[in-house]
Amino acid sequence: MASWMKFARSFSRKYSTAAPKFGDTHGVTDQTQLMWKRISFFVGFPVIALAMVNCYLHHQAHHDDEQPEFVAYEHLRIRTKKFPWGDGNHSLFHNPKMNALPNGYEE
């Protein structure tokens, strides 16, 4: 019985959900914090900025593309129930230039 209590006590201590006490850093040193701060500033933020530039340039390159030809496939644009907004035929983020309705593009 004593061994079971010892196991239960060590298990509850190891896997406790109690929040750490104020000031308990769990082995995080100032060097570790400085390293992650530098990684965030010198790697993370530039990567995010480059991704934003890439998205903007890609959008500009395809801004004047023509509308794809409409082909009325039976398995696409099936409306079994109306959308709960607008006229019930347009999706929530409908783009009249690129998204066709069941009977073709809007004019």
Protein backbone atom coordinates (compact mmCIF):
# COMPACT_ATOMS: atom_id res chain seq x y z
CA MET A 1 0.00 0.00 0.00
CA ALA A 2 2.82 2.36 0.81
CA SER A 3 4.40 1.80 -2.60
CA TRP A 4 1.13 2.72 -4.30
CA MET A 5 0.92 5.98 -2.35
CA LYS A 6 4.52 6.78 -3.22
CA PHE A 7 3.78 6.21 -6.92
CA ALA A 8 0.60 8.30 -6.79
CA ARG A 9 2.39 11.18 -5.05
CA SER A 10 5.26 11.24 -7.56
CA PHE A 11 2.85 10.92 -10.51
CA SER A 12 0.69 13.79 -9.32
CA ARG A 13 3.74 15.96 -8.71
CA LYS A 14 5.18 15.23 -12.15
CA TYR A 15 1.97 15.66 -14.15
CA SER A 16 0.28 18.34 -12.10
CA THR A 17 -1.78 20.92 -13.96
CA ALA A 18 -1.08 23.62 -11.39
CA ALA A 19 0.38 26.79 -12.82
CA PRO A 20 4.05 27.43 -12.10
CA LYS A 21 4.81 29.90 -9.35
CA PHE A 22 5.65 33.49 -10.23
CA GLY A 23 9.29 33.76 -11.29
CA ASP A 24 9.65 30.04 -12.06
CA THR A 25 11.39 29.99 -15.45
CA HIS A 26 11.86 26.21 -15.84
CA GLY A 27 15.49 26.51 -16.87
CA VAL A 28 15.06 29.41 -19.31
CA THR A 29 18.11 31.60 -19.11
CA ASP A 30 18.71 35.13 -20.33
CA GLN A 31 20.83 33.73 -23.16
CA THR A 32 17.97 31.55 -24.38
CA GLN A 33 15.55 34.46 -24.29
CA LEU A 34 18.00 36.66 -26.17
CA MET A 35 18.56 33.96 -28.81
CA TRP A 36 14.83 33.57 -29.50
CA LYS A 37 14.36 37.33 -29.54
CA ARG A 38 17.10 37.66 -32.17
CA ILE A 39 15.67 34.78 -34.20
CA SER A 40 12.27 36.48 -34.17
CA PHE A 41 13.63 39.85 -35.27
CA PHE A 42 16.27 38.74 -37.77
CA VAL A 43 14.61 35.64 -39.23
CA GLY A 44 10.87 35.61 -38.47
CA PHE A 45 9.92 39.18 -39.35
CA PRO A 46 11.97 39.33 -42.59
CA VAL A 47 10.42 36.05 -43.76
CA ILE A 48 6.93 37.43 -43.09
CA ALA A 49 7.81 40.64 -44.97
CA LEU A 50 9.16 38.67 -47.96
CA ALA A 51 6.01 36.54 -48.04
CA MET A 52 3.87 39.70 -48.08
CA VAL A 53 5.91 41.15 -50.96
CA ASN A 54 5.64 37.86 -52.84
CA CYS A 55 1.84 37.80 -52.45
CA TYR A 56 1.53 41.40 -53.60
CA LEU A 57 3.73 40.87 -56.68
CA HIS A 58 1.91 37.64 -57.57
CA HIS A 59 -1.42 39.48 -57.32
CA GLN A 60 -0.17 42.29 -59.55
CA ALA A 61 1.15 39.84 -62.15
CA HIS A 62 -2.23 38.10 -62.44
CA HIS A 63 -4.43 41.15 -62.00
CA ASP A 64 -5.28 41.52 -65.70
CA ASP A 65 -5.75 37.82 -66.50
CA GLU A 66 -8.78 36.94 -68.57
CA GLN A 67 -11.77 35.11 -67.24
CA PRO A 68 -11.55 31.33 -67.65
CA GLU A 69 -13.94 29.82 -70.17
CA PHE A 70 -17.18 28.58 -68.63
CA VAL A 71 -17.90 24.88 -69.05
CA ALA A 72 -21.16 23.64 -67.53
CA TYR A 73 -20.02 20.43 -65.86
CA GLU A 74 -22.81 18.56 -64.04
CA HIS A 75 -20.76 17.89 -60.91
CA LEU A 76 -19.72 21.51 -60.29
CA ARG A 77 -21.69 24.40 -58.79
CA ILE A 78 -24.49 22.17 -57.43
CA ARG A 79 -26.95 24.14 -55.29
CA THR A 80 -29.07 21.79 -53.16
CA LYS A 81 -29.80 24.51 -50.64
CA LYS A 82 -29.63 28.30 -50.94
CA PHE A 83 -26.85 30.19 -49.18
CA PRO A 84 -28.20 32.04 -46.10
CA TRP A 85 -27.04 35.46 -47.35
CA GLY A 86 -27.83 37.67 -50.33
CA ASP A 87 -29.86 36.05 -53.08
CA GLY A 88 -28.79 32.55 -52.02
CA ASN A 89 -26.83 31.86 -55.21
CA HIS A 90 -23.55 33.65 -54.49
CA SER A 91 -20.95 32.23 -52.12
CA LEU A 92 -19.84 34.34 -49.16
CA PHE A 93 -16.62 35.53 -50.86
CA HIS A 94 -17.99 35.64 -54.42
CA ASN A 95 -15.74 37.12 -57.08
CA PRO A 96 -17.81 37.87 -60.20
CA LYS A 97 -14.70 37.82 -62.38
CA MET A 98 -13.43 34.37 -61.37
CA ASN A 99 -16.36 32.52 -59.73
CA ALA A 100 -19.05 31.26 -62.05
CA LEU A 101 -22.65 30.70 -61.06
CA PRO A 102 -24.47 27.49 -62.10
CA ASN A 103 -25.59 29.07 -65.36
CA GLY A 104 -22.37 30.98 -66.20
CA TYR A 105 -20.50 34.14 -65.34
CA GLU A 106 -22.21 37.36 -64.39
CA GLU A 107 -22.18 39.96 -67.12
